[in-house]
């Protein structure tokens, strides 16, 4: 399929605009509190990150970047590693902000 020809378009254009409709944004927001999603995320984190800290264990920025570089290279084979690292650093900064 054409989706497998990289880079077909820049990374930031990969999204599906229909996912930003009002109805889909509500559905996406509901996923944040889904027990199934939380369990899947925690399973992923516990299997792919070295966590540090006490009761609310966290991964370091370096661990986050290392793991998501692997994910990004699988999802976007051939992506420029510097571009990917920049996107992941930006994502980390966004993910570490207080939840609204």
Foldseek 3Di string as FASTA:
>chain_A
DVLPDPPPDDPVPPDDVVCPDPVNVVVVVVLVPDPVNVVVVVVCCVVQADWDDDPPTDGDLVSQLVRVLVVVCVSHPPPDSVVSSVVSSVVVVVVPDDDD
